[in-house]
Amino acid sequence: LMQLLPSTAARTASQLGLPSPQPEKLFEPDLNLNLGIHHLKELLQFYPGEPVKAIAAYNAGRSAVARWEKQIVTDDPEEFIERIPYGETRLYVKLVLRNHLTYQRLYGNAR
C-alpha cells in the first residue's frame, strides 16, 4: 500500500509508541497505512505549503530534498519537479499529483 523503508517504519513506529516492526509486518495493511500516513503527515508538516517537496521527500528522503533545495532555487513547484535529478522521484511526484487531481475531480475536496 505505502512503501516504507524498514528504518523509516521503525522510527515512525517509535514516534507512535509502537514496537519496531519486522520487515514482513510492513505488508499488513493496518500497520502499513498507520505508519505511512503518519510519515506523510510528518513530511507535510515539515514542508508547510509545499506538498511537492513533501511528496519528493517521501520517495527520496529529506536529505535528498535538502540538497535539491540548495541546487534548485525557485518558488515554482512545476520547475522544481522538472529539475528533480532523480528520474524515479520526478515521475513519482507527477503521478501522485495527477492521482490527487483525479480524486479531486471525482470526489471534490472531501477528506
N, C-alpha and C. Protein backbone atom coordinates (compact mmCIF):
# COMPACT_ATOMS: atom_id res chain seq x y z
N LEU A 1 0.82 -1.19 0.00
CA LEU A 1 0.00 0.00 0.00
C LEU A 1 0.87 1.26 0.00
N MET A 2 1.59 1.47 1.11
CA MET A 2 2.51 2.60 1.19
C MET A 2 3.91 2.03 1.35
N GLN A 3 4.82 2.50 0.53
CA GLN A 3 6.18 1.97 0.58
C GLN A 3 6.95 2.66 1.70
N LEU A 4 7.50 1.84 2.59
CA LEU A 4 8.28 2.36 3.71
C LEU A 4 9.56 1.57 3.84
N LEU A 5 10.67 2.26 3.98
CA LEU A 5 11.91 1.57 4.31
C LEU A 5 11.79 1.05 5.74
N PRO A 6 12.39 -0.08 6.03
CA PRO A 6 12.34 -0.59 7.41
C PRO A 6 12.82 0.43 8.44
N SER A 7 13.86 1.20 8.11
CA SER A 7 14.37 2.20 9.05
C SER A 7 13.35 3.31 9.29
N THR A 8 12.66 3.73 8.24
CA THR A 8 11.62 4.74 8.38
C THR A 8 10.45 4.19 9.18
N ALA A 9 10.08 2.95 8.91
CA ALA A 9 8.99 2.32 9.65
C ALA A 9 9.33 2.22 11.13
N ALA A 10 10.57 1.86 11.45
CA ALA A 10 10.99 1.74 12.85
C ALA A 10 10.94 3.09 13.56
N ARG A 11 11.45 4.13 12.90
CA ARG A 11 11.43 5.47 13.50
C ARG A 11 10.01 5.97 13.70
N THR A 12 9.16 5.75 12.70
CA THR A 12 7.77 6.19 12.78
C THR A 12 7.02 5.42 13.85
N ALA A 13 7.25 4.12 13.92
CA ALA A 13 6.61 3.30 14.96
C ALA A 13 7.01 3.81 16.34
N SER A 14 8.27 4.14 16.51
CA SER A 14 8.75 4.66 17.79
C SER A 14 8.03 5.96 18.15
N GLN A 15 7.85 6.83 17.18
CA GLN A 15 7.14 8.10 17.41
C GLN A 15 5.70 7.85 17.85
N LEU A 16 5.12 6.76 17.37
CA LEU A 16 3.73 6.41 17.71
C LEU A 16 3.64 5.54 18.96
N GLY A 17 4.78 5.25 19.57
CA GLY A 17 4.78 4.40 20.76
C GLY A 17 4.55 2.94 20.46
N LEU A 18 4.87 2.53 19.23
CA LEU A 18 4.70 1.14 18.81
C LEU A 18 6.06 0.45 18.77
N PRO A 19 6.07 -0.87 18.90
CA PRO A 19 7.34 -1.58 18.75
C PRO A 19 7.83 -1.52 17.31
N SER A 20 9.12 -1.62 17.14
CA SER A 20 9.71 -1.61 15.80
C SER A 20 9.23 -2.84 15.04
N PRO A 21 8.58 -2.65 13.89
CA PRO A 21 8.03 -3.80 13.17
C PRO A 21 9.10 -4.58 12.40
N GLN A 22 8.91 -5.86 12.32
CA GLN A 22 9.73 -6.69 11.44
C GLN A 22 9.37 -6.33 10.00
N PRO A 23 10.32 -6.40 9.08
CA PRO A 23 10.04 -6.01 7.69
C PRO A 23 8.81 -6.70 7.09
N GLU A 24 8.59 -7.98 7.38
CA GLU A 24 7.43 -8.67 6.80
C GLU A 24 6.11 -8.13 7.34
N LYS A 25 6.12 -7.51 8.52
CA LYS A 25 4.90 -6.92 9.10
C LYS A 25 4.45 -5.68 8.32
N LEU A 26 5.37 -5.09 7.56
CA LEU A 26 5.02 -3.90 6.80
C LEU A 26 4.04 -4.19 5.67
N PHE A 27 3.80 -5.47 5.38
CA PHE A 27 2.82 -5.85 4.36
C PHE A 27 1.42 -5.97 4.95
N GLU A 28 1.29 -5.83 6.27
CA GLU A 28 -0.03 -5.87 6.91
C GLU A 28 -0.68 -4.50 6.72
N PRO A 29 -1.85 -4.45 6.05
CA PRO A 29 -2.45 -3.17 5.68
C PRO A 29 -2.65 -2.19 6.84
N ASP A 30 -3.16 -2.65 7.97
CA ASP A 30 -3.42 -1.72 9.08
C ASP A 30 -2.14 -1.04 9.55
N LEU A 31 -1.11 -1.82 9.77
CA LEU A 31 0.16 -1.26 10.24
C LEU A 31 0.79 -0.39 9.15
N ASN A 32 0.80 -0.89 7.93
CA ASN A 32 1.40 -0.17 6.82
C ASN A 32 0.76 1.20 6.65
N LEU A 33 -0.56 1.25 6.63
CA LEU A 33 -1.26 2.52 6.44
C LEU A 33 -1.03 3.45 7.63
N ASN A 34 -1.08 2.92 8.84
CA ASN A 34 -0.86 3.74 10.02
C ASN A 34 0.52 4.41 9.97
N LEU A 35 1.54 3.62 9.70
CA LEU A 35 2.90 4.17 9.64
C LEU A 35 3.08 5.11 8.44
N GLY A 36 2.59 4.70 7.28
CA GLY A 36 2.76 5.50 6.07
C GLY A 36 2.05 6.84 6.16
N ILE A 37 0.83 6.84 6.68
CA ILE A 37 0.07 8.08 6.81
C ILE A 37 0.75 9.01 7.81
N HIS A 38 1.21 8.45 8.92
CA HIS A 38 1.90 9.28 9.92
C HIS A 38 3.18 9.89 9.33
N HIS A 39 3.92 9.09 8.60
CA HIS A 39 5.16 9.59 7.99
C HIS A 39 4.86 10.69 6.98
N LEU A 40 3.86 10.50 6.14
CA LEU A 40 3.50 11.53 5.16
C LEU A 40 3.01 12.80 5.87
N LYS A 41 2.21 12.63 6.91
CA LYS A 41 1.74 13.79 7.67
C LYS A 41 2.92 14.57 8.24
N GLU A 42 3.89 13.85 8.76
CA GLU A 42 5.10 14.48 9.31
C GLU A 42 5.83 15.28 8.23
N LEU A 43 5.94 14.72 7.03
CA LEU A 43 6.61 15.42 5.93
C LEU A 43 5.82 16.65 5.49
N LEU A 44 4.50 16.55 5.45
CA LEU A 44 3.67 17.70 5.08
C LEU A 44 3.82 18.82 6.11
N GLN A 45 4.01 18.47 7.38
CA GLN A 45 4.23 19.48 8.41
C GLN A 45 5.64 20.06 8.31
N PHE A 46 6.60 19.25 7.92
CA PHE A 46 7.98 19.71 7.77
C PHE A 46 8.12 20.68 6.60
N TYR A 47 7.32 20.46 5.55
CA TYR A 47 7.32 21.32 4.35
C TYR A 47 5.96 22.00 4.23
N PRO A 48 5.60 22.90 5.16
CA PRO A 48 4.26 23.51 5.12
C PRO A 48 4.04 24.29 3.82
N GLY A 49 2.90 24.01 3.19
CA GLY A 49 2.56 24.69 1.95
C GLY A 49 3.36 24.25 0.75
N GLU A 50 4.17 23.20 0.90
CA GLU A 50 5.00 22.72 -0.21
C GLU A 50 4.81 21.21 -0.39
N PRO A 51 3.62 20.81 -0.84
CA PRO A 51 3.36 19.37 -0.98
C PRO A 51 4.30 18.67 -1.95
N VAL A 52 4.79 19.38 -2.95
CA VAL A 52 5.72 18.76 -3.91
C VAL A 52 6.97 18.28 -3.18
N LYS A 53 7.50 19.10 -2.31
CA LYS A 53 8.70 18.71 -1.57
C LYS A 53 8.40 17.57 -0.59
N ALA A 54 7.22 17.61 0.02
CA ALA A 54 6.85 16.52 0.94
C ALA A 54 6.74 15.20 0.19
N ILE A 55 6.13 15.22 -0.98
CA ILE A 55 5.98 14.01 -1.78
C ILE A 55 7.36 13.52 -2.25
N ALA A 56 8.19 14.45 -2.68
CA ALA A 56 9.54 14.07 -3.11
C ALA A 56 10.32 13.46 -1.95
N ALA A 57 10.18 14.03 -0.76
CA ALA A 57 10.88 13.51 0.41
C ALA A 57 10.35 12.14 0.80
N TYR A 58 9.07 11.90 0.60
CA TYR A 58 8.51 10.58 0.90
C TYR A 58 9.20 9.53 0.03
N ASN A 59 9.50 9.89 -1.20
CA ASN A 59 10.11 8.95 -2.13
C ASN A 59 11.63 8.88 -1.99
N ALA A 60 12.28 10.04 -1.89
CA ALA A 60 13.75 10.08 -1.95
C ALA A 60 14.42 10.38 -0.62
N GLY A 61 13.65 10.85 0.35
CA GLY A 61 14.21 11.19 1.65
C GLY A 61 14.42 12.68 1.81
N ARG A 62 14.36 13.12 3.07
CA ARG A 62 14.52 14.55 3.35
C ARG A 62 15.91 15.06 3.02
N SER A 63 16.93 14.22 3.18
CA SER A 63 18.29 14.69 2.89
C SER A 63 18.46 14.99 1.40
N ALA A 64 17.84 14.17 0.55
CA ALA A 64 17.90 14.43 -0.89
C ALA A 64 17.20 15.75 -1.23
N VAL A 65 16.03 15.96 -0.66
CA VAL A 65 15.29 17.20 -0.92
C VAL A 65 16.08 18.41 -0.40
N ALA A 66 16.74 18.26 0.73
CA ALA A 66 17.57 19.37 1.26
C ALA A 66 18.68 19.73 0.28
N ARG A 67 19.30 18.74 -0.33
CA ARG A 67 20.33 19.01 -1.35
C ARG A 67 19.72 19.72 -2.54
N TRP A 68 18.56 19.24 -2.97
CA TRP A 68 17.92 19.83 -4.15
C TRP A 68 17.49 21.26 -3.90
N GLU A 69 17.06 21.55 -2.67
CA GLU A 69 16.65 22.93 -2.36
C GLU A 69 17.82 23.90 -2.54
N LYS A 70 19.04 23.44 -2.29
CA LYS A 70 20.22 24.28 -2.48
C LYS A 70 20.55 24.45 -3.96
N GLN A 71 20.26 23.43 -4.76
CA GLN A 71 20.59 23.44 -6.19
C GLN A 71 19.49 24.06 -7.04
N ILE A 72 18.24 23.88 -6.61
CA ILE A 72 17.09 24.32 -7.40
C ILE A 72 16.46 25.51 -6.68
N VAL A 73 16.84 26.70 -7.07
CA VAL A 73 16.32 27.90 -6.42
C VAL A 73 15.15 28.42 -7.24
N THR A 74 13.93 28.08 -6.79
CA THR A 74 12.72 28.51 -7.47
C THR A 74 11.55 28.43 -6.51
N ASP A 75 10.57 29.30 -6.74
CA ASP A 75 9.32 29.24 -6.00
C ASP A 75 8.25 28.52 -6.81
N ASP A 76 8.59 28.12 -8.02
CA ASP A 76 7.64 27.47 -8.92
C ASP A 76 7.69 25.95 -8.71
N PRO A 77 6.61 25.36 -8.16
CA PRO A 77 6.61 23.92 -7.91
C PRO A 77 6.82 23.09 -9.18
N GLU A 78 6.28 23.55 -10.31
CA GLU A 78 6.45 22.79 -11.55
C GLU A 78 7.91 22.78 -12.00
N GLU A 79 8.57 23.92 -11.85
CA GLU A 79 10.00 23.96 -12.20
C GLU A 79 10.80 23.07 -11.26
N PHE A 80 10.46 23.10 -9.97
CA PHE A 80 11.15 22.24 -9.01
C PHE A 80 11.02 20.78 -9.42
N ILE A 81 9.80 20.38 -9.77
CA ILE A 81 9.56 18.99 -10.19
C ILE A 81 10.44 18.64 -11.39
N GLU A 82 10.42 19.48 -12.40
CA GLU A 82 11.16 19.19 -13.63
C GLU A 82 12.67 19.14 -13.41
N ARG A 83 13.14 19.77 -12.35
CA ARG A 83 14.58 19.80 -12.10
C ARG A 83 15.03 18.78 -11.06
N ILE A 84 14.10 17.97 -10.55
CA ILE A 84 14.49 16.91 -9.62
C ILE A 84 15.44 15.97 -10.36
N PRO A 85 16.64 15.75 -9.83
CA PRO A 85 17.62 14.95 -10.57
C PRO A 85 17.34 13.45 -10.60
N TYR A 86 16.54 12.94 -9.67
CA TYR A 86 16.21 11.51 -9.68
C TYR A 86 14.98 11.30 -10.55
N GLY A 87 15.15 10.63 -11.67
CA GLY A 87 14.04 10.38 -12.57
C GLY A 87 12.88 9.66 -11.90
N GLU A 88 13.20 8.68 -11.06
CA GLU A 88 12.15 7.92 -10.37
C GLU A 88 11.32 8.84 -9.47
N THR A 89 11.99 9.73 -8.75
CA THR A 89 11.29 10.64 -7.84
C THR A 89 10.49 11.66 -8.63
N ARG A 90 11.05 12.18 -9.70
CA ARG A 90 10.33 13.14 -10.55
C ARG A 90 9.03 12.51 -11.04
N LEU A 91 9.11 11.27 -11.54
CA LEU A 91 7.92 10.57 -12.02
C LEU A 91 6.95 10.30 -10.87
N TYR A 92 7.47 9.89 -9.72
CA TYR A 92 6.63 9.60 -8.56
C TYR A 92 5.82 10.84 -8.16
N VAL A 93 6.48 11.99 -8.08
CA VAL A 93 5.79 13.23 -7.71
C VAL A 93 4.69 13.54 -8.72
N LYS A 94 5.00 13.43 -9.99
CA LYS A 94 4.00 13.70 -11.03
C LYS A 94 2.80 12.76 -10.91
N LEU A 95 3.07 11.48 -10.67
CA LEU A 95 1.97 10.51 -10.55
C LEU A 95 1.11 10.78 -9.33
N VAL A 96 1.72 11.10 -8.22
CA VAL A 96 0.94 11.40 -7.01
C VAL A 96 0.08 12.63 -7.23
N LEU A 97 0.64 13.67 -7.82
CA LEU A 97 -0.14 14.89 -8.09
C LEU A 97 -1.26 14.63 -9.09
N ARG A 98 -0.97 13.85 -10.12
CA ARG A 98 -2.02 13.51 -11.09
C ARG A 98 -3.15 12.74 -10.42
N ASN A 99 -2.79 11.76 -9.60
CA ASN A 99 -3.81 10.98 -8.90
C ASN A 99 -4.61 11.85 -7.93
N HIS A 100 -3.94 12.78 -7.28
CA HIS A 100 -4.63 13.70 -6.37
C HIS A 100 -5.66 14.53 -7.14
N LEU A 101 -5.27 15.05 -8.29
CA LEU A 101 -6.21 15.83 -9.11
C LEU A 101 -7.38 14.97 -9.58
N THR A 102 -7.10 13.73 -9.95
CA THR A 102 -8.17 12.82 -10.38
C THR A 102 -9.16 12.59 -9.25
N TYR A 103 -8.67 12.34 -8.04
CA TYR A 103 -9.56 12.14 -6.89
C TYR A 103 -10.36 13.40 -6.60
N GLN A 104 -9.74 14.57 -6.73
CA GLN A 104 -10.47 15.82 -6.51
C GLN A 104 -11.59 15.98 -7.52
N ARG A 105 -11.32 15.65 -8.77
CA ARG A 105 -12.36 15.75 -9.80
C ARG A 105 -13.51 14.79 -9.52
N LEU A 106 -13.18 13.60 -9.08
CA LEU A 106 -14.20 12.59 -8.82
C LEU A 106 -14.97 12.83 -7.53
N TYR A 107 -14.27 13.24 -6.49
CA TYR A 107 -14.88 13.29 -5.16
C TYR A 107 -14.89 14.67 -4.53
N GLY A 108 -14.41 15.67 -5.23
CA GLY A 108 -14.35 17.01 -4.65
C GLY A 108 -13.24 17.09 -3.63
N ASN A 109 -13.37 18.03 -2.73
CA ASN A 109 -12.34 18.23 -1.71
C ASN A 109 -12.66 17.49 -0.42
N ALA A 110 -13.50 16.47 -0.49
CA ALA A 110 -13.85 15.70 0.71
C ALA A 110 -12.60 15.08 1.31
N ARG A 111 -12.58 15.02 2.61
CA ARG A 111 -11.41 14.43 3.29
C ARG A 111 -11.75 13.08 3.79
